[in-house]
């Protein structure tokens, strides 16, 4: 922030998006798009909710934590067929 101030720039914290706001917007937009595709017969309909109520955020504090999270994100889709919610129709 001091560097920005020295350059004559200022971050407007009131208008900066929050993680919660970004997640909320993503969930809203993707739900609307999903419903459009259901109405077009592209995707199957759903019961209840597409998204869980909240989300879990986590601060990545070091390279080791980053690598562990990256490994999970990178390899998790490969395990989809082992998931209890997997059905061959939803690949």
PDB file of N, CA and C in Angstrom:
ATOM      1  N   UNK A   1       0.823  -1.184   0.000  1.00  0.00           N
ATOM      2  CA  UNK A   1       0.000   0.000   0.000  1.00  0.00           C
ATOM      3  C   UNK A   1       0.874   1.258   0.000  1.00  0.00           C
ATOM      4  N   UNK A   2       1.992   1.225   0.727  1.00  0.00           N
ATOM      5  CA  UNK A   2       2.865   2.402   0.761  1.00  0.00           C
ATOM      6  C   UNK A   2       3.448   2.674  -0.612  1.00  0.00           C
ATOM      7  N   UNK A   3       3.812   1.612  -1.314  1.00  0.00           N
ATOM      8  CA  UNK A   3       4.358   1.766  -2.657  1.00  0.00           C
ATOM      9  C   UNK A   3       3.320   2.407  -3.575  1.00  0.00           C
ATOM     10  N   UNK A   4       2.080   1.948  -3.486  1.00  0.00           N
ATOM     11  CA  UNK A   4       1.015   2.532  -4.295  1.00  0.00           C
ATOM     12  C   UNK A   4       0.833   4.004  -3.958  1.00  0.00           C
ATOM     13  N   UNK A   5       0.878   4.338  -2.670  1.00  0.00           N
ATOM     14  CA  UNK A   5       0.730   5.729  -2.251  1.00  0.00           C
ATOM     15  C   UNK A   5       1.890   6.568  -2.774  1.00  0.00           C
ATOM     16  N   UNK A   6       3.109   6.004  -2.731  1.00  0.00           N
ATOM     17  CA  UNK A   6       4.276   6.719  -3.241  1.00  0.00           C
ATOM     18  C   UNK A   6       4.151   6.996  -4.738  1.00  0.00           C
ATOM     19  N   UNK A   7       3.480   6.118  -5.466  1.00  0.00           N
ATOM     20  CA  UNK A   7       3.301   6.284  -6.899  1.00  0.00           C
ATOM     21  C   UNK A   7       2.099   7.182  -7.213  1.00  0.00           C
ATOM     22  N   UNK A   8       1.445   7.668  -6.179  1.00  0.00           N
ATOM     23  CA  UNK A   8       0.283   8.506  -6.399  1.00  0.00           C
ATOM     24  C   UNK A   8      -0.976   7.702  -6.666  1.00  0.00           C
ATOM     25  N   UNK A   9      -0.935   6.418  -6.401  1.00  0.00           N
ATOM     26  CA  UNK A   9      -2.081   5.541  -6.610  1.00  0.00           C
ATOM     27  C   UNK A   9      -2.635   5.112  -5.266  1.00  0.00           C
ATOM     28  N   UNK A  10      -3.915   4.788  -5.268  1.00  0.00           N
ATOM     29  CA  UNK A  10      -4.543   4.358  -4.020  1.00  0.00           C
ATOM     30  C   UNK A  10      -5.507   3.232  -4.331  1.00  0.00           C
ATOM     31  N   UNK A  11      -5.441   2.178  -3.560  1.00  0.00           N
ATOM     32  CA  UNK A  11      -6.387   1.079  -3.735  1.00  0.00           C
ATOM     33  C   UNK A  11      -7.689   1.454  -3.044  1.00  0.00           C
ATOM     34  N   UNK A  12      -8.772   1.377  -3.752  1.00  0.00           N
ATOM     35  CA  UNK A  12     -10.077   1.688  -3.181  1.00  0.00           C
ATOM     36  C   UNK A  12     -10.627   0.417  -2.540  1.00  0.00           C
ATOM     37  N   UNK A  13     -10.415   0.267  -1.244  1.00  0.00           N
ATOM     38  CA  UNK A  13     -10.779  -0.961  -0.545  1.00  0.00           C
ATOM     39  C   UNK A  13     -12.282  -1.183  -0.498  1.00  0.00           C
ATOM     40  N   UNK A  14     -13.068  -0.113  -0.569  1.00  0.00           N
ATOM     41  CA  UNK A  14     -14.517  -0.279  -0.519  1.00  0.00           C
ATOM     42  C   UNK A  14     -15.049  -0.933  -1.788  1.00  0.00           C
ATOM     43  N   UNK A  15     -14.381  -0.739  -2.909  1.00  0.00           N
ATOM     44  CA  UNK A  15     -14.876  -1.303  -4.159  1.00  0.00           C
ATOM     45  C   UNK A  15     -14.141  -2.586  -4.551  1.00  0.00           C
ATOM     46  N   UNK A  16     -13.116  -2.962  -3.801  1.00  0.00           N
ATOM     47  CA  UNK A  16     -12.381  -4.181  -4.110  1.00  0.00           C
ATOM     48  C   UNK A  16     -13.264  -5.390  -3.841  1.00  0.00           C
ATOM     49  N   UNK A  17     -13.275  -6.360  -4.761  1.00  0.00           N
ATOM     50  CA  UNK A  17     -14.117  -7.538  -4.529  1.00  0.00           C
ATOM     51  C   UNK A  17     -13.574  -8.387  -3.379  1.00  0.00           C
ATOM     52  N   UNK A  18     -14.475  -8.980  -2.643  1.00  0.00           N
ATOM     53  CA  UNK A  18     -14.078  -9.896  -1.572  1.00  0.00           C
ATOM     54  C   UNK A  18     -14.134 -11.321  -2.111  1.00  0.00           C
ATOM     55  N   UNK A  19     -13.475 -12.232  -1.437  1.00  0.00           N
ATOM     56  CA  UNK A  19     -13.540 -13.640  -1.834  1.00  0.00           C
ATOM     57  C   UNK A  19     -14.988 -14.107  -1.780  1.00  0.00           C
ATOM     58  N   UNK A  20     -15.696 -13.735  -0.723  1.00  0.00           N
ATOM     59  CA  UNK A  20     -17.098 -14.139  -0.594  1.00  0.00           C
ATOM     60  C   UNK A  20     -17.933 -13.614  -1.753  1.00  0.00           C
ATOM     61  N   UNK A  21     -17.703 -12.371  -2.137  1.00  0.00           N
ATOM     62  CA  UNK A  21     -18.449 -11.788  -3.248  1.00  0.00           C
ATOM     63  C   UNK A  21     -18.166 -12.483  -4.570  1.00  0.00           C
ATOM     64  N   UNK A  22     -16.901 -12.819  -4.800  1.00  0.00           N
ATOM     65  CA  UNK A  22     -16.519 -13.505  -6.035  1.00  0.00           C
ATOM     66  C   UNK A  22     -17.144 -14.900  -6.075  1.00  0.00           C
ATOM     67  N   UNK A  23     -17.069 -15.632  -4.965  1.00  0.00           N
ATOM     68  CA  UNK A  23     -17.649 -16.975  -4.902  1.00  0.00           C
ATOM     69  C   UNK A  23     -19.165 -16.902  -5.093  1.00  0.00           C
ATOM     70  N   UNK A  24     -19.809 -15.945  -4.438  1.00  0.00           N
ATOM     71  CA  UNK A  24     -21.254 -15.784  -4.571  1.00  0.00           C
ATOM     72  C   UNK A  24     -21.636 -15.493  -6.029  1.00  0.00           C
ATOM     73  N   UNK A  25     -20.907 -14.598  -6.675  1.00  0.00           N
ATOM     74  CA  UNK A  25     -21.194 -14.266  -8.073  1.00  0.00           C
ATOM     75  C   UNK A  25     -20.986 -15.477  -8.977  1.00  0.00           C
ATOM     76  N   UNK A  26     -19.914 -16.234  -8.728  1.00  0.00           N
ATOM     77  CA  UNK A  26     -19.653 -17.429  -9.533  1.00  0.00           C
ATOM     78  C   UNK A  26     -20.774 -18.450  -9.379  1.00  0.00           C
ATOM     79  N   UNK A  27     -21.183 -18.697  -8.147  1.00  0.00           N
ATOM     80  CA  UNK A  27     -22.251 -19.667  -7.898  1.00  0.00           C
ATOM     81  C   UNK A  27     -23.557 -19.224  -8.559  1.00  0.00           C
ATOM     82  N   UNK A  28     -23.875 -17.937  -8.458  1.00  0.00           N
ATOM     83  CA  UNK A  28     -25.106 -17.417  -9.046  1.00  0.00           C
ATOM     84  C   UNK A  28     -25.068 -17.566 -10.572  1.00  0.00           C
ATOM     85  N   UNK A  29     -23.981 -17.120 -11.188  1.00  0.00           N
ATOM     86  CA  UNK A  29     -23.858 -17.181 -12.638  1.00  0.00           C
ATOM     87  C   UNK A  29     -23.897 -18.621 -13.145  1.00  0.00           C
ATOM     88  N   UNK A  30     -23.132 -19.500 -12.499  1.00  0.00           N
ATOM     89  CA  UNK A  30     -23.086 -20.883 -12.972  1.00  0.00           C
ATOM     90  C   UNK A  30     -24.420 -21.588 -12.769  1.00  0.00           C
ATOM     91  N   UNK A  31     -25.151 -21.254 -11.719  1.00  0.00           N
ATOM     92  CA  UNK A  31     -26.480 -21.838 -11.503  1.00  0.00           C
ATOM     93  C   UNK A  31     -27.435 -21.385 -12.593  1.00  0.00           C
ATOM     94  N   UNK A  32     -27.406 -20.097 -12.933  1.00  0.00           N
ATOM     95  CA  UNK A  32     -28.265 -19.582 -13.999  1.00  0.00           C
ATOM     96  C   UNK A  32     -27.950 -20.282 -15.322  1.00  0.00           C
ATOM     97  N   UNK A  33     -26.672 -20.429 -15.626  1.00  0.00           N
ATOM     98  CA  UNK A  33     -26.281 -21.094 -16.868  1.00  0.00           C
ATOM     99  C   UNK A  33     -26.683 -22.570 -16.860  1.00  0.00           C
ATOM    100  N   UNK A  34     -26.555 -23.221 -15.715  1.00  0.00           N
ATOM    101  CA  UNK A  34     -26.949 -24.628 -15.605  1.00  0.00           C
ATOM    102  C   UNK A  34     -28.444 -24.772 -15.861  1.00  0.00           C
ATOM    103  N   UNK A  35     -29.238 -23.905 -15.260  1.00  0.00           N
ATOM    104  CA  UNK A  35     -30.689 -23.962 -15.449  1.00  0.00           C
ATOM    105  C   UNK A  35     -31.044 -23.751 -16.917  1.00  0.00           C
ATOM    106  N   UNK A  36     -30.354 -22.840 -17.597  1.00  0.00           N
ATOM    107  CA  UNK A  36     -30.590 -22.632 -19.035  1.00  0.00           C
ATOM    108  C   UNK A  36     -30.341 -23.930 -19.809  1.00  0.00           C
ATOM    109  N   UNK A  37     -29.257 -24.611 -19.465  1.00  0.00           N
ATOM    110  CA  UNK A  37     -28.912 -25.849 -20.168  1.00  0.00           C
ATOM    111  C   UNK A  37     -29.881 -26.977 -19.837  1.00  0.00           C
ATOM    112  N   UNK A  38     -30.411 -26.989 -18.622  1.00  0.00           N
ATOM    113  CA  UNK A  38     -31.434 -27.976 -18.263  1.00  0.00           C
ATOM    114  C   UNK A  38     -32.672 -27.744 -19.127  1.00  0.00           C
ATOM    115  N   UNK A  39     -33.083 -26.491 -19.265  1.00  0.00           N
ATOM    116  CA  UNK A  39     -34.261 -26.150 -20.069  1.00  0.00           C
ATOM    117  C   UNK A  39     -34.069 -26.485 -21.541  1.00  0.00           C
ATOM    118  N   UNK A  40     -32.819 -26.454 -22.008  1.00  0.00           N
ATOM    119  CA  UNK A  40     -32.513 -26.797 -23.396  1.00  0.00           C
ATOM    120  C   UNK A  40     -32.324 -28.305 -23.584  1.00  0.00           C
ATOM    121  N   UNK A  41     -32.367 -29.062 -22.502  1.00  0.00           N
ATOM    122  CA  UNK A  41     -32.191 -30.508 -22.580  1.00  0.00           C
ATOM    123  C   UNK A  41     -30.747 -30.942 -22.696  1.00  0.00           C
ATOM    124  N   UNK A  42     -29.814 -30.052 -22.437  1.00  0.00           N
ATOM    125  CA  UNK A  42     -28.387 -30.369 -22.539  1.00  0.00           C
ATOM    126  C   UNK A  42     -27.890 -31.077 -21.281  1.00  0.00           C
ATOM    127  N   UNK A  43     -28.375 -30.637 -20.121  1.00  0.00           N
ATOM    128  CA  UNK A  43     -27.951 -31.200 -18.839  1.00  0.00           C
ATOM    129  C   UNK A  43     -29.149 -31.761 -18.093  1.00  0.00           C
ATOM    130  N   UNK A  44     -28.912 -32.720 -17.211  1.00  0.00           N
ATOM    131  CA  UNK A  44     -30.020 -33.269 -16.422  1.00  0.00           C
ATOM    132  C   UNK A  44     -30.466 -32.283 -15.346  1.00  0.00           C
ATOM    133  N   UNK A  45     -31.727 -32.366 -14.969  1.00  0.00           N
ATOM    134  CA  UNK A  45     -32.214 -31.506 -13.891  1.00  0.00           C
ATOM    135  C   UNK A  45     -31.609 -31.955 -12.569  1.00  0.00           C
ATOM    136  N   UNK A  46     -31.769 -31.148 -11.560  1.00  0.00           N
ATOM    137  CA  UNK A  46     -31.165 -31.438 -10.266  1.00  0.00           C
ATOM    138  C   UNK A  46     -32.187 -31.242  -9.164  1.00  0.00           C
ATOM    139  N   UNK A  47     -31.968 -31.918  -8.061  1.00  0.00           N
ATOM    140  CA  UNK A  47     -32.807 -31.757  -6.881  1.00  0.00           C
ATOM    141  C   UNK A  47     -32.104 -30.822  -5.909  1.00  0.00           C
ATOM    142  N   UNK A  48     -32.877 -30.041  -5.225  1.00  0.00           N
ATOM    143  CA  UNK A  48     -32.368 -29.179  -4.154  1.00  0.00           C
ATOM    144  C   UNK A  48     -31.408 -28.123  -4.679  1.00  0.00           C
ATOM    145  N   UNK A  49     -30.108 -28.241  -4.379  1.00  0.00           N
ATOM    146  CA  UNK A  49     -29.139 -27.200  -4.706  1.00  0.00           C
ATOM    147  C   UNK A  49     -27.976 -27.771  -5.497  1.00  0.00           C
ATOM    148  N   UNK A  50     -27.397 -26.933  -6.325  1.00  0.00           N
ATOM    149  CA  UNK A  50     -26.182 -27.320  -7.050  1.00  0.00           C
ATOM    150  C   UNK A  50     -24.963 -27.130  -6.150  1.00  0.00           C
ATOM    151  N   UNK A  51     -24.973 -26.051  -5.384  1.00  0.00           N
ATOM    152  CA  UNK A  51     -23.827 -25.688  -4.564  1.00  0.00           C
ATOM    153  C   UNK A  51     -24.120 -25.867  -3.080  1.00  0.00           C
ATOM    154  N   UNK A  52     -23.088 -26.177  -2.320  1.00  0.00           N
ATOM    155  CA  UNK A  52     -23.229 -26.190  -0.869  1.00  0.00           C
ATOM    156  C   UNK A  52     -23.400 -24.758  -0.386  1.00  0.00           C
ATOM    157  N   UNK A  53     -23.891 -24.580   0.795  1.00  0.00           N
ATOM    158  CA  UNK A  53     -24.260 -23.268   1.300  1.00  0.00           C
ATOM    159  C   UNK A  53     -23.082 -22.301   1.414  1.00  0.00           C
ATOM    160  N   UNK A  54     -21.944 -22.753   1.812  1.00  0.00           N
ATOM    161  CA  UNK A  54     -20.816 -21.866   2.042  1.00  0.00           C
ATOM    162  C   UNK A  54     -19.612 -22.362   1.247  1.00  0.00           C
ATOM    163  N   UNK A  55     -18.447 -21.968   1.616  1.00  0.00           N
ATOM    164  CA  UNK A  55     -17.230 -22.472   0.996  1.00  0.00           C
ATOM    165  C   UNK A  55     -16.124 -22.462   2.039  1.00  0.00           C
ATOM    166  N   UNK A  56     -15.102 -23.233   1.764  1.00  0.00           N
ATOM    167  CA  UNK A  56     -13.969 -23.330   2.693  1.00  0.00           C
ATOM    168  C   UNK A  56     -12.797 -22.594   2.074  1.00  0.00           C
ATOM    169  N   UNK A  57     -12.369 -21.509   2.694  1.00  0.00           N
ATOM    170  CA  UNK A  57     -11.199 -20.809   2.191  1.00  0.00           C
ATOM    171  C   UNK A  57      -9.996 -21.172   3.048  1.00  0.00           C
ATOM    172  N   UNK A  58      -8.846 -21.063   2.469  1.00  0.00           N
ATOM    173  CA  UNK A  58      -7.633 -21.486   3.152  1.00  0.00           C
ATOM    174  C   UNK A  58      -6.471 -20.624   2.659  1.00  0.00           C
ATOM    175  N   UNK A  59      -5.679 -20.122   3.566  1.00  0.00           N
ATOM    176  CA  UNK A  59      -4.503 -19.337   3.201  1.00  0.00           C
ATOM    177  C   UNK A  59      -3.341 -20.290   2.953  1.00  0.00           C
ATOM    178  N   UNK A  60      -2.741 -20.174   1.782  1.00  0.00           N
ATOM    179  CA  UNK A  60      -1.562 -20.972   1.442  1.00  0.00           C
ATOM    180  C   UNK A  60      -0.346 -20.236   1.984  1.00  0.00           C
ATOM    181  N   UNK A  61       0.310 -20.835   2.948  1.00  0.00           N
ATOM    182  CA  UNK A  61       1.354 -20.127   3.688  1.00  0.00           C
ATOM    183  C   UNK A  61       2.778 -20.407   3.212  1.00  0.00           C
ATOM    184  N   UNK A  62       2.982 -21.481   2.454  1.00  0.00           N
ATOM    185  CA  UNK A  62       4.347 -21.763   2.007  1.00  0.00           C
ATOM    186  C   UNK A  62       4.310 -22.648   0.759  1.00  0.00           C
ATOM    187  N   UNK A  63       5.460 -22.876   0.197  1.00  0.00           N
ATOM    188  CA  UNK A  63       5.576 -23.655  -1.036  1.00  0.00           C
ATOM    189  C   UNK A  63       5.093 -25.088  -0.848  1.00  0.00           C
ATOM    190  N   UNK A  64       5.389 -25.685   0.300  1.00  0.00           N
ATOM    191  CA  UNK A  64       4.964 -27.063   0.562  1.00  0.00           C
ATOM    192  C   UNK A  64       3.441 -27.162   0.574  1.00  0.00           C
ATOM    193  N   UNK A  65       2.779 -26.220   1.215  1.00  0.00           N
ATOM    194  CA  UNK A  65       1.309 -26.215   1.242  1.00  0.00           C
ATOM    195  C   UNK A  65       0.750 -26.003  -0.158  1.00  0.00           C
ATOM    196  N   UNK A  66       1.380 -25.113  -0.921  1.00  0.00           N
ATOM    197  CA  UNK A  66       0.946 -24.874  -2.301  1.00  0.00           C
ATOM    198  C   UNK A  66       1.056 -26.145  -3.130  1.00  0.00           C
ATOM    199  N   UNK A  67       2.177 -26.842  -3.027  1.00  0.00           N
ATOM    200  CA  UNK A  67       2.386 -28.068  -3.796  1.00  0.00           C
ATOM    201  C   UNK A  67       1.354 -29.140  -3.426  1.00  0.00           C
ATOM    202  N   UNK A  68       1.040 -29.260  -2.148  1.00  0.00           N
ATOM    203  CA  UNK A  68       0.063 -30.245  -1.694  1.00  0.00           C
ATOM    204  C   UNK A  68      -1.324 -29.934  -2.267  1.00  0.00           C
ATOM    205  N   UNK A  69      -1.703 -28.674  -2.242  1.00  0.00           N
ATOM    206  CA  UNK A  69      -3.007 -28.278  -2.777  1.00  0.00           C
ATOM    207  C   UNK A  69      -3.029 -28.452  -4.291  1.00  0.00           C
ATOM    208  N   UNK A  70      -1.949 -28.079  -4.960  1.00  0.00           N
ATOM    209  CA  UNK A  70      -1.878 -28.242  -6.405  1.00  0.00           C
ATOM    210  C   UNK A  70      -1.998 -29.718  -6.791  1.00  0.00           C
ATOM    211  N   UNK A  71      -1.335 -30.574  -6.069  1.00  0.00           N
ATOM    212  CA  UNK A  71      -1.406 -32.021  -6.334  1.00  0.00           C
ATOM    213  C   UNK A  71      -2.850 -32.505  -6.212  1.00  0.00           C
ATOM    214  N   UNK A  72      -3.548 -32.062  -5.176  1.00  0.00           N
ATOM    215  CA  UNK A  72      -4.951 -32.453  -4.979  1.00  0.00           C
ATOM    216  C   UNK A  72      -5.801 -31.989  -6.160  1.00  0.00           C
ATOM    217  N   UNK A  73      -5.661 -30.735  -6.543  1.00  0.00           N
ATOM    218  CA  UNK A  73      -6.457 -30.194  -7.654  1.00  0.00           C
ATOM    219  C   UNK A  73      -6.127 -30.918  -8.953  1.00  0.00           C
ATOM    220  N   UNK A  74      -4.867 -31.200  -9.173  1.00  0.00           N
ATOM    221  CA  UNK A  74      -4.420 -31.826 -10.413  1.00  0.00           C
ATOM    222  C   UNK A  74      -4.862 -33.281 -10.525  1.00  0.00           C
ATOM    223  N   UNK A  75      -4.838 -34.022  -9.430  1.00  0.00           N
ATOM    224  CA  UNK A  75      -5.117 -35.457  -9.502  1.00  0.00           C
ATOM    225  C   UNK A  75      -6.553 -35.837  -9.129  1.00  0.00           C
ATOM    226  N   UNK A  76      -7.271 -34.956  -8.464  1.00  0.00           N
ATOM    227  CA  UNK A  76      -8.603 -35.311  -7.986  1.00  0.00           C
ATOM    228  C   UNK A  76      -9.573 -35.719  -9.098  1.00  0.00           C
ATOM    229  N   UNK A  77      -9.608 -35.048 -10.254  1.00  0.00           N
ATOM    230  CA  UNK A  77     -10.545 -35.480 -11.305  1.00  0.00           C
ATOM    231  C   UNK A  77     -10.326 -36.915 -11.770  1.00  0.00           C
ATOM    232  N   UNK A  78      -9.108 -37.401 -11.638  1.00  0.00           N
ATOM    233  CA  UNK A  78      -8.816 -38.775 -12.034  1.00  0.00           C
ATOM    234  C   UNK A  78      -9.510 -39.792 -11.131  1.00  0.00           C
ATOM    235  N   UNK A  79      -9.919 -39.351  -9.954  1.00  0.00           N
ATOM    236  CA  UNK A  79     -10.558 -40.235  -8.981  1.00  0.00           C
ATOM    237  C   UNK A  79     -12.083 -40.188  -9.052  1.00  0.00           C
ATOM    238  N   UNK A  80     -12.649 -39.458 -10.019  1.00  0.00           N
ATOM    239  CA  UNK A  80     -14.090 -39.258 -10.100  1.00  0.00           C
ATOM    240  C   UNK A  80     -14.857 -40.581 -10.162  1.00  0.00           C
ATOM    241  N   UNK A  81     -14.363 -41.548 -10.903  1.00  0.00           N
ATOM    242  CA  UNK A  81     -15.063 -42.829 -11.025  1.00  0.00           C
ATOM    243  C   UNK A  81     -15.124 -43.587  -9.701  1.00  0.00           C
ATOM    244  N   UNK A  82     -14.305 -43.230  -8.741  1.00  0.00           N
ATOM    245  CA  UNK A  82     -14.320 -43.872  -7.430  1.00  0.00           C
ATOM    246  C   UNK A  82     -15.273 -43.182  -6.457  1.00  0.00           C
ATOM    247  N   UNK A  83     -15.787 -42.021  -6.836  1.00  0.00           N
ATOM    248  CA  UNK A  83     -16.658 -41.228  -5.960  1.00  0.00           C
ATOM    249  C   UNK A  83     -18.026 -41.895  -5.812  1.00  0.00           C
ATOM    250  N   UNK A  84     -18.625 -41.774  -4.634  1.00  0.00           N
ATOM    251  CA  UNK A  84     -19.926 -42.395  -4.380  1.00  0.00           C
ATOM    252  C   UNK A  84     -21.039 -41.769  -5.227  1.00  0.00           C
ATOM    253  N   UNK A  85     -20.832 -40.572  -5.759  1.00  0.00           N
ATOM    254  CA  UNK A  85     -21.841 -39.912  -6.582  1.00  0.00           C
ATOM    255  C   UNK A  85     -21.647 -40.165  -8.075  1.00  0.00           C
ATOM    256  N   UNK A  86     -20.601 -40.873  -8.427  1.00  0.00           N
ATOM    257  CA  UNK A  86     -20.311 -41.142  -9.833  1.00  0.00           C
ATOM    258  C   UNK A  86     -21.326 -42.119 -10.427  1.00  0.00           C
ATOM    259  N   UNK A  87     -21.775 -41.798 -11.604  1.00  0.00           N
ATOM    260  CA  UNK A  87     -22.534 -42.748 -12.428  1.00  0.00           C
ATOM    261  C   UNK A  87     -21.971 -42.642 -13.834  1.00  0.00           C
ATOM    262  N   UNK A  88     -21.977 -43.697 -14.591  1.00  0.00           N
ATOM    263  CA  UNK A  88     -21.380 -43.665 -15.936  1.00  0.00           C
ATOM    264  C   UNK A  88     -21.999 -42.596 -16.846  1.00  0.00           C
ATOM    265  N   UNK A  89     -23.230 -42.174 -16.566  1.00  0.00           N
ATOM    266  CA  UNK A  89     -23.886 -41.172 -17.401  1.00  0.00           C
ATOM    267  C   UNK A  89     -23.290 -39.781 -17.232  1.00  0.00           C
ATOM    268  N   UNK A  90     -22.606 -39.532 -16.104  1.00  0.00           N
ATOM    269  CA  UNK A  90     -22.068 -38.208 -15.808  1.00  0.00           C
ATOM    270  C   UNK A  90     -20.557 -38.242 -15.770  1.00  0.00           C
ATOM    271  N   UNK A  91     -19.949 -38.280 -16.925  1.00  0.00           N
ATOM    272  CA  UNK A  91     -18.486 -38.358 -16.993  1.00  0.00           C
ATOM    273  C   UNK A  91     -17.858 -37.020 -16.930  1.00  0.00           C
TER     274      UNK A  91
END
